[in-house]
Amino acid sequence: MTDFKECMTTFISKTNIIIRELRNVLERVENHKENCNVAKTVGSTISLAGSIVTIGGLFAAPFTGGISLGIREL
């Protein structure tokens, strides 16, 4: 009976260590996912702003003699 208790104690101890390590990995994965979502949002916002500037430059080209086309190169 003591062998069983020792075996269960060892099993529980090792299982708790594994659970702790898996929680650490899960925390790192969640942090990475959050960072990726932030980067994706920033990239989409910058892309949208660039599109608006490009369309605005093309729209204003006839009125500015083409000078507004240079704005997109900035």
N, C-alpha and C. Protein backbone atom coordinates (compact mmCIF):
# COMPACT_ATOMS: atom_id res chain seq x y z
N MET A 1 0.82 -1.20 0.00
CA MET A 1 0.00 0.00 0.00
C MET A 1 0.86 1.27 0.00
N THR A 2 2.01 1.25 0.65
CA THR A 2 2.87 2.42 0.65
C THR A 2 3.47 2.67 -0.72
N ASP A 3 3.72 1.61 -1.47
CA ASP A 3 4.23 1.80 -2.83
C ASP A 3 3.21 2.55 -3.69
N PHE A 4 1.96 2.21 -3.50
CA PHE A 4 0.90 2.90 -4.25
C PHE A 4 0.84 4.38 -3.86
N LYS A 5 0.93 4.66 -2.56
CA LYS A 5 0.91 6.05 -2.10
C LYS A 5 2.11 6.83 -2.64
N GLU A 6 3.28 6.21 -2.62
CA GLU A 6 4.47 6.87 -3.14
C GLU A 6 4.33 7.11 -4.65
N CYS A 7 3.80 6.11 -5.33
CA CYS A 7 3.60 6.24 -6.78
C CYS A 7 2.62 7.37 -7.09
N MET A 8 1.52 7.44 -6.34
CA MET A 8 0.53 8.50 -6.56
C MET A 8 1.09 9.87 -6.20
N THR A 9 1.86 9.94 -5.14
CA THR A 9 2.48 11.20 -4.74
C THR A 9 3.44 11.69 -5.83
N THR A 10 4.24 10.79 -6.35
CA THR A 10 5.17 11.14 -7.43
C THR A 10 4.39 11.57 -8.68
N PHE A 11 3.36 10.82 -9.01
CA PHE A 11 2.53 11.15 -10.17
C PHE A 11 1.90 12.54 -10.02
N ILE A 12 1.34 12.82 -8.87
CA ILE A 12 0.70 14.13 -8.63
C ILE A 12 1.73 15.24 -8.69
N SER A 13 2.90 15.01 -8.13
CA SER A 13 3.96 16.02 -8.15
C SER A 13 4.39 16.33 -9.59
N LYS A 14 4.64 15.28 -10.37
CA LYS A 14 5.07 15.49 -11.76
C LYS A 14 3.96 16.12 -12.59
N THR A 15 2.72 15.72 -12.33
CA THR A 15 1.59 16.30 -13.06
C THR A 15 1.46 17.79 -12.76
N ASN A 16 1.66 18.18 -11.51
CA ASN A 16 1.59 19.60 -11.15
C ASN A 16 2.70 20.40 -11.83
N ILE A 17 3.88 19.81 -11.95
CA ILE A 17 4.98 20.48 -12.64
C ILE A 17 4.63 20.68 -14.11
N ILE A 18 4.09 19.66 -14.73
CA ILE A 18 3.71 19.73 -16.15
C ILE A 18 2.62 20.77 -16.35
N ILE A 19 1.65 20.81 -15.46
CA ILE A 19 0.56 21.79 -15.56
C ILE A 19 1.12 23.20 -15.45
N ARG A 20 2.04 23.41 -14.53
CA ARG A 20 2.66 24.73 -14.36
C ARG A 20 3.40 25.15 -15.63
N GLU A 21 4.15 24.23 -16.21
CA GLU A 21 4.88 24.53 -17.45
C GLU A 21 3.92 24.82 -18.60
N LEU A 22 2.85 24.05 -18.69
CA LEU A 22 1.87 24.28 -19.77
C LEU A 22 1.17 25.62 -19.60
N ARG A 23 0.92 26.03 -18.38
CA ARG A 23 0.31 27.35 -18.15
C ARG A 23 1.26 28.46 -18.58
N ASN A 24 2.56 28.28 -18.34
CA ASN A 24 3.54 29.27 -18.79
C ASN A 24 3.57 29.36 -20.32
N VAL A 25 3.52 28.21 -20.97
CA VAL A 25 3.50 28.19 -22.44
C VAL A 25 2.23 28.86 -22.95
N LEU A 26 1.10 28.56 -22.33
CA LEU A 26 -0.17 29.16 -22.73
C LEU A 26 -0.13 30.68 -22.58
N GLU A 27 0.47 31.16 -21.51
CA GLU A 27 0.58 32.61 -21.30
C GLU A 27 1.43 33.25 -22.39
N ARG A 28 2.54 32.60 -22.76
CA ARG A 28 3.38 33.15 -23.83
C ARG A 28 2.65 33.14 -25.17
N VAL A 29 1.89 32.09 -25.44
CA VAL A 29 1.13 32.01 -26.69
C VAL A 29 0.07 33.11 -26.73
N GLU A 30 -0.62 33.33 -25.63
CA GLU A 30 -1.65 34.38 -25.59
C GLU A 30 -1.03 35.76 -25.77
N ASN A 31 0.13 36.00 -25.17
CA ASN A 31 0.82 37.29 -25.36
C ASN A 31 1.22 37.47 -26.81
N HIS A 32 1.73 36.41 -27.43
CA HIS A 32 2.13 36.50 -28.84
C HIS A 32 0.92 36.76 -29.73
N LYS A 33 -0.19 36.10 -29.43
CA LYS A 33 -1.41 36.31 -30.22
C LYS A 33 -1.88 37.76 -30.09
N GLU A 34 -1.83 38.30 -28.88
CA GLU A 34 -2.24 39.70 -28.67
C GLU A 34 -1.33 40.65 -29.45
N ASN A 35 -0.02 40.39 -29.42
CA ASN A 35 0.92 41.23 -30.17
C ASN A 35 0.66 41.15 -31.67
N CYS A 36 0.34 39.96 -32.16
CA CYS A 36 0.03 39.80 -33.58
C CYS A 36 -1.24 40.55 -33.95
N ASN A 37 -2.24 40.52 -33.10
CA ASN A 37 -3.48 41.24 -33.38
C ASN A 37 -3.23 42.75 -33.41
N VAL A 38 -2.39 43.25 -32.51
CA VAL A 38 -2.06 44.68 -32.52
C VAL A 38 -1.33 45.03 -33.81
N ALA A 39 -0.36 44.22 -34.20
CA ALA A 39 0.40 44.49 -35.42
C ALA A 39 -0.51 44.46 -36.65
N LYS A 40 -1.45 43.51 -36.67
CA LYS A 40 -2.38 43.42 -37.79
C LYS A 40 -3.26 44.66 -37.87
N THR A 41 -3.74 45.13 -36.73
CA THR A 41 -4.59 46.32 -36.69
C THR A 41 -3.82 47.55 -37.15
N VAL A 42 -2.60 47.70 -36.67
CA VAL A 42 -1.78 48.85 -37.07
C VAL A 42 -1.50 48.80 -38.57
N GLY A 43 -1.17 47.62 -39.09
CA GLY A 43 -0.91 47.48 -40.52
C GLY A 43 -2.13 47.80 -41.36
N SER A 44 -3.29 47.36 -40.92
CA SER A 44 -4.52 47.65 -41.66
C SER A 44 -4.83 49.14 -41.65
N THR A 45 -4.61 49.77 -40.50
CA THR A 45 -4.87 51.21 -40.38
C THR A 45 -3.93 52.00 -41.30
N ILE A 46 -2.67 51.65 -41.32
CA ILE A 46 -1.71 52.35 -42.17
C ILE A 46 -2.05 52.12 -43.65
N SER A 47 -2.44 50.91 -43.99
CA SER A 47 -2.84 50.62 -45.36
C SER A 47 -4.05 51.43 -45.78
N LEU A 48 -5.02 51.54 -44.90
CA LEU A 48 -6.21 52.34 -45.18
C LEU A 48 -5.84 53.81 -45.37
N ALA A 49 -4.98 54.34 -44.52
CA ALA A 49 -4.56 55.74 -44.64
C ALA A 49 -3.83 55.96 -45.96
N GLY A 50 -2.97 55.02 -46.35
CA GLY A 50 -2.26 55.15 -47.62
C GLY A 50 -3.21 55.11 -48.81
N SER A 51 -4.22 54.28 -48.72
CA SER A 51 -5.22 54.23 -49.80
C SER A 51 -5.98 55.53 -49.92
N ILE A 52 -6.34 56.10 -48.79
CA ILE A 52 -7.07 57.37 -48.80
C ILE A 52 -6.22 58.49 -49.40
N VAL A 53 -4.94 58.52 -49.02
CA VAL A 53 -4.04 59.55 -49.57
C VAL A 53 -3.87 59.36 -51.08
N THR A 54 -3.74 58.12 -51.51
CA THR A 54 -3.59 57.85 -52.95
C THR A 54 -4.83 58.27 -53.73
N ILE A 55 -5.99 57.90 -53.25
CA ILE A 55 -7.23 58.28 -53.92
C ILE A 55 -7.41 59.79 -53.91
N GLY A 56 -7.08 60.42 -52.78
CA GLY A 56 -7.18 61.88 -52.70
C GLY A 56 -6.24 62.56 -53.70
N GLY A 57 -5.03 62.03 -53.82
CA GLY A 57 -4.07 62.59 -54.78
C GLY A 57 -4.52 62.44 -56.21
N LEU A 58 -5.08 61.29 -56.52
CA LEU A 58 -5.59 61.07 -57.88
C LEU A 58 -6.80 61.96 -58.17
N PHE A 59 -7.64 62.13 -57.17
CA PHE A 59 -8.82 62.98 -57.35
C PHE A 59 -8.43 64.45 -57.54
N ALA A 60 -7.41 64.89 -56.81
CA ALA A 60 -7.00 66.29 -56.86
C ALA A 60 -6.06 66.60 -58.03
N ALA A 61 -5.55 65.58 -58.73
CA ALA A 61 -4.58 65.80 -59.80
C ALA A 61 -5.06 66.77 -60.87
N PRO A 62 -6.28 66.68 -61.36
CA PRO A 62 -6.69 67.63 -62.40
C PRO A 62 -6.75 69.07 -61.89
N PHE A 63 -7.02 69.25 -60.63
CA PHE A 63 -7.15 70.60 -60.07
C PHE A 63 -5.82 71.22 -59.68
N THR A 64 -4.80 70.38 -59.46
CA THR A 64 -3.49 70.89 -59.02
C THR A 64 -2.44 70.77 -60.11
N GLY A 65 -2.84 70.37 -61.29
CA GLY A 65 -1.89 70.25 -62.40
C GLY A 65 -0.93 69.08 -62.19
N GLY A 66 -1.33 68.08 -61.44
CA GLY A 66 -0.51 66.88 -61.22
C GLY A 66 0.41 66.96 -60.03
N ILE A 67 0.50 68.12 -59.39
CA ILE A 67 1.38 68.26 -58.23
C ILE A 67 0.93 67.35 -57.09
N SER A 68 -0.37 67.14 -56.96
CA SER A 68 -0.88 66.32 -55.86
C SER A 68 -0.47 64.85 -55.99
N LEU A 69 -0.05 64.42 -57.16
CA LEU A 69 0.42 63.04 -57.34
C LEU A 69 1.69 62.79 -56.57
N GLY A 70 2.48 63.83 -56.35
CA GLY A 70 3.72 63.71 -55.59
C GLY A 70 3.48 63.49 -54.11
N ILE A 71 2.30 63.77 -53.64
CA ILE A 71 1.99 63.58 -52.22
C ILE A 71 2.09 62.10 -51.85
N ARG A 72 1.69 61.21 -52.73
CA ARG A 72 1.73 59.79 -52.38
C ARG A 72 3.15 59.28 -52.28
N GLU A 73 4.11 59.98 -52.85
CA GLU A 73 5.50 59.55 -52.78
C GLU A 73 6.14 59.88 -51.45
N LEU A 74 5.50 60.71 -50.65
CA LEU A 74 6.06 61.06 -49.35
C LEU A 74 5.93 59.87 -48.49
